[in-house]
Protein backbone atom coordinates (compact mmCIF):
# COMPACT_ATOMS: atom_id res chain seq x y z
CA MET A 1 -12.76 -21.75 -73.49
CA VAL A 2 -9.30 -23.06 -74.29
CA ASN A 3 -7.58 -23.79 -70.97
CA ASP A 4 -4.29 -25.36 -72.11
CA VAL A 5 -2.59 -25.74 -75.48
CA VAL A 6 -0.30 -28.77 -75.59
CA PRO A 7 2.98 -28.11 -77.47
CA GLY A 8 2.98 -29.81 -80.87
CA SER A 9 -0.77 -30.47 -80.76
CA PRO A 10 -3.26 -29.71 -83.56
CA ALA A 11 -4.51 -26.79 -81.45
CA GLU A 12 -1.04 -25.23 -81.28
CA LYS A 13 -0.51 -25.78 -85.02
CA ALA A 14 -3.84 -24.03 -85.67
CA GLY A 15 -2.62 -21.01 -83.67
CA LEU A 16 -4.99 -21.37 -80.73
CA LYS A 17 -3.99 -19.88 -77.37
CA SER A 18 -5.15 -20.16 -73.77
CA GLY A 19 -8.14 -17.88 -73.33
CA ASP A 20 -9.57 -18.31 -76.83
CA VAL A 21 -13.30 -19.08 -76.84
CA VAL A 22 -14.29 -21.68 -79.45
CA THR A 23 -17.68 -20.88 -81.04
CA GLY A 24 -17.84 -23.03 -84.17
CA PHE A 25 -16.47 -26.24 -85.71
CA ASN A 26 -16.93 -27.48 -89.29
CA GLY A 27 -19.82 -25.08 -89.95
CA GLY A 28 -21.71 -25.91 -86.75
CA SER A 29 -22.02 -23.97 -83.50
CA VAL A 30 -20.19 -25.01 -80.33
CA LEU A 31 -22.62 -24.78 -77.41
CA SER A 32 -21.11 -27.09 -74.80
CA VAL A 33 -17.87 -28.94 -74.04
CA PRO A 34 -19.39 -32.48 -74.23
CA THR A 35 -21.02 -31.77 -77.62
CA PHE A 36 -17.81 -30.26 -78.96
CA ARG A 37 -15.76 -33.27 -77.81
CA LEU A 38 -18.24 -35.66 -79.41
CA THR A 39 -18.29 -33.71 -82.70
CA VAL A 40 -14.48 -33.60 -82.92
CA SER A 41 -13.98 -37.24 -81.88
CA SER A 42 -16.51 -38.45 -84.45
CA SER A 43 -14.93 -36.40 -87.27
CA PRO A 44 -12.34 -38.20 -89.45
CA ALA A 45 -8.78 -37.39 -88.32
CA GLY A 46 -6.23 -35.90 -90.70
CA LYS A 47 -8.76 -33.68 -92.51
CA ASP A 48 -8.96 -29.87 -92.47
CA TYR A 49 -11.83 -28.32 -90.51
CA ASN A 50 -12.78 -24.68 -90.04
CA LEU A 51 -12.75 -23.55 -86.42
CA LYS A 52 -14.29 -20.27 -85.27
CA TYR A 53 -13.19 -18.62 -82.03
CA TRP A 54 -13.12 -15.32 -80.16
CA ARG A 55 -9.90 -13.59 -79.09
CA ASP A 56 -9.62 -10.08 -77.65
CA GLY A 57 -13.26 -9.37 -78.49
CA LYS A 58 -12.94 -10.33 -82.18
CA GLU A 59 -14.21 -13.43 -83.97
CA ARG A 60 -11.53 -15.29 -85.93
CA THR A 61 -11.35 -18.39 -88.09
CA THR A 62 -8.56 -20.93 -88.41
CA THR A 63 -8.06 -24.37 -89.92
CA ILE A 64 -7.44 -27.31 -87.60
CA VAL A 65 -6.44 -30.89 -88.45
CA PRO A 66 -7.45 -33.31 -85.64
CA ALA A 67 -4.90 -36.03 -84.87
CA PRO A 68 -5.77 -39.73 -84.58
CA ALA A 69 -6.77 -40.69 -81.04
CA ASP A 70 -3.64 -42.80 -80.53
CA GLN A 71 -1.43 -39.78 -81.27
CA VAL A 72 -3.10 -37.35 -78.89
CA VAL A 73 -0.88 -36.19 -76.04
CA PHE A 74 -2.60 -35.21 -72.83
CA ALA A 75 -1.12 -33.01 -70.11
CA GLN A 76 -0.16 -35.03 -67.02
CA GLU A 77 -2.32 -34.64 -63.97
CA ARG A 78 -0.91 -32.55 -61.19
CA ALA A 79 0.94 -34.66 -58.60
CA ALA A 80 -0.33 -34.50 -55.05
CA ARG A 81 1.95 -32.47 -52.82
CA PRO A 82 1.66 -30.72 -49.47
CA GLY A 83 0.28 -27.21 -49.80
CA ARG A 84 1.89 -24.06 -48.49
CA GLU A 85 0.03 -21.08 -47.16
CA PRO A 86 1.08 -17.47 -47.85
CA GLU A 87 1.67 -15.22 -44.87
CA ALA A 88 -1.39 -13.25 -43.88
CA ALA A 89 -1.90 -9.94 -45.64
CA LYS A 90 -2.74 -6.74 -43.80
CA ASP A 91 -6.41 -5.93 -43.21
CA GLY A 92 -8.07 -4.54 -46.32
CA GLU A 93 -5.51 -6.15 -48.60
CA LYS A 94 -7.17 -9.54 -48.75
CA ALA A 95 -10.45 -10.55 -50.41
CA ASP A 96 -12.61 -13.56 -49.72
CA ILE A 97 -14.46 -14.41 -52.94
CA ALA A 98 -16.79 -16.74 -51.04
CA SER A 99 -19.02 -17.74 -53.93
CA PHE A 100 -16.05 -19.32 -55.71
CA GLY A 101 -14.30 -20.53 -52.54
CA LEU A 102 -11.29 -18.36 -53.25
CA GLU A 103 -9.23 -15.95 -51.15
CA VAL A 104 -6.72 -13.63 -52.84
CA GLN A 105 -4.22 -10.96 -51.83
CA PRO A 106 -1.71 -8.72 -53.62
CA VAL A 107 1.59 -10.40 -54.46
CA THR A 108 4.74 -8.91 -52.93
CA PRO A 109 8.36 -9.62 -53.97
CA GLU A 110 8.75 -11.72 -50.80
CA LEU A 111 5.64 -13.83 -51.52
CA ALA A 112 6.62 -14.15 -55.17
CA ALA A 113 10.00 -15.58 -54.15
CA GLN A 114 8.40 -17.90 -51.57
CA PHE A 115 6.15 -19.49 -54.19
CA GLY A 116 8.56 -19.57 -57.12
CA HIS A 117 7.21 -16.63 -59.12
CA ALA A 118 9.34 -13.92 -60.73
CA LYS A 119 10.31 -11.26 -58.16
CA ASP A 120 8.59 -8.59 -60.26
CA ALA A 121 5.43 -10.73 -60.71
CA LYS A 122 2.15 -8.83 -60.91
CA GLY A 123 -1.32 -10.11 -60.09
CA LEU A 124 -3.08 -11.60 -57.08
CA LEU A 125 -1.80 -14.48 -55.01
CA ILE A 126 -4.26 -17.19 -54.01
CA SER A 127 -4.06 -17.24 -50.22
CA GLY A 128 -6.83 -19.72 -49.52
CA VAL A 129 -9.05 -22.30 -51.25
CA LYS A 130 -12.17 -23.57 -49.50
CA SER A 131 -12.71 -27.33 -49.38
CA GLY A 132 -15.48 -28.50 -51.71
CA SER A 133 -15.58 -25.16 -53.57
CA PRO A 134 -15.52 -24.43 -57.32
CA ALA A 135 -11.92 -23.21 -56.88
CA GLU A 136 -10.85 -26.53 -55.35
CA ALA A 137 -12.71 -28.49 -58.04
CA ALA A 138 -10.76 -26.53 -60.68
CA GLY A 139 -7.47 -27.52 -59.03
CA LEU A 140 -6.54 -24.09 -57.68
CA GLU A 141 -4.13 -23.97 -54.74
CA SER A 142 -2.69 -21.48 -52.30
CA GLY A 143 0.45 -19.88 -53.69
CA GLN A 144 -0.71 -19.80 -57.30
CA LEU A 145 -0.93 -16.44 -59.04
CA ILE A 146 -3.95 -14.99 -60.87
CA THR A 147 -2.76 -12.49 -63.49
CA ARG A 148 -5.68 -12.12 -65.90
CA VAL A 149 -9.46 -12.35 -65.99
CA VAL A 150 -11.81 -12.78 -68.97
CA LYS A 151 -14.68 -10.27 -69.06
CA ASP A 152 -16.98 -9.63 -72.02
CA ARG A 153 -14.85 -12.01 -74.10
CA LYS A 154 -11.79 -9.85 -73.51
CA VAL A 155 -8.74 -10.78 -71.47
CA GLN A 156 -7.69 -8.09 -68.99
CA SER A 157 -4.96 -7.86 -66.38
CA VAL A 158 -5.93 -7.87 -62.72
CA ASN A 159 -3.63 -6.30 -60.14
CA SER A 160 -5.80 -5.12 -57.26
CA VAL A 161 -8.10 -6.90 -54.85
CA LYS A 162 -10.80 -4.25 -55.39
CA GLU A 163 -10.69 -4.78 -59.15
CA PHE A 164 -10.95 -8.56 -58.74
CA GLU A 165 -13.85 -8.26 -56.27
CA ALA A 166 -15.77 -6.09 -58.74
CA LEU A 167 -15.34 -8.67 -61.50
CA ALA A 168 -16.02 -11.75 -59.35
CA GLY A 169 -18.92 -10.37 -57.33
CA LYS A 170 -21.27 -9.93 -60.30
CA ALA A 171 -20.27 -12.98 -62.30
CA GLY A 172 -21.95 -16.39 -62.20
CA GLU A 173 -18.90 -17.71 -64.00
CA LEU A 174 -15.36 -16.43 -63.86
CA ALA A 175 -12.39 -17.33 -66.08
CA VAL A 176 -8.96 -16.59 -64.60
CA TYR A 177 -5.42 -17.13 -65.85
CA VAL A 178 -3.45 -19.02 -63.21
CA GLU A 179 0.33 -19.42 -62.94
CA GLY A 180 2.33 -21.62 -60.59
CA GLY A 181 2.11 -25.18 -59.34
CA ASP A 182 3.02 -28.25 -61.37
CA ARG A 183 1.30 -27.15 -64.58
CA PRO A 184 2.08 -24.34 -67.04
CA GLY A 185 0.04 -21.13 -66.93
CA ARG A 186 -3.54 -21.75 -68.04
CA PHE A 187 -7.05 -20.36 -68.01
CA VAL A 188 -9.45 -21.92 -65.51
CA THR A 189 -13.21 -21.36 -65.50
CA LEU A 190 -14.97 -21.22 -62.14
CA SER A 191 -18.78 -21.49 -61.85
CA LYS A 192 -20.86 -20.53 -58.84
CA PRO A 193 -22.85 -23.46 -57.40
CA GLN A 194 -26.46 -23.59 -58.59
CA LYS A 195 -29.01 -22.86 -55.88
CA ASP A 196 -31.83 -25.38 -55.45
């Protein structure tokens, strides 16, 4: 899954967006991130390659021209900063998605203002991230906003705790669109820990 698209990058020029799922490169299938990275990095830069991907439940094809390694621009890592915790929500308005180490609650205009979101922001506010969890490993923090979830290769809005619980409870892997913090909005994939 495409998490971020760097402005001016080959991905942006090819029309890719956050949330797209890459399935093929140069006639071959994309089965894992490491294999895809290796295939792209070992392909000559400056040439046209076909790239297959899914968006909104439909398979699409585009042409991408990889840049030389010395011209690639990477997003800066998030700077360490003290976290802030949202005020507690009322009972029944907060969900603990324990398997992903994530706690969410509905966003209110007051909470949106407190954490730098638009006052009419919609979605679920992250109200807690468990230490050592998949959510922490993905860089999620309290105060960030989850606005969309990927299910069945389709991106859908998420506005209620109940809706989010239904999606997260059954999934071994969950892709969410996160806004807020030091980075632009992006998709993040969370995976439940494997049981021994």
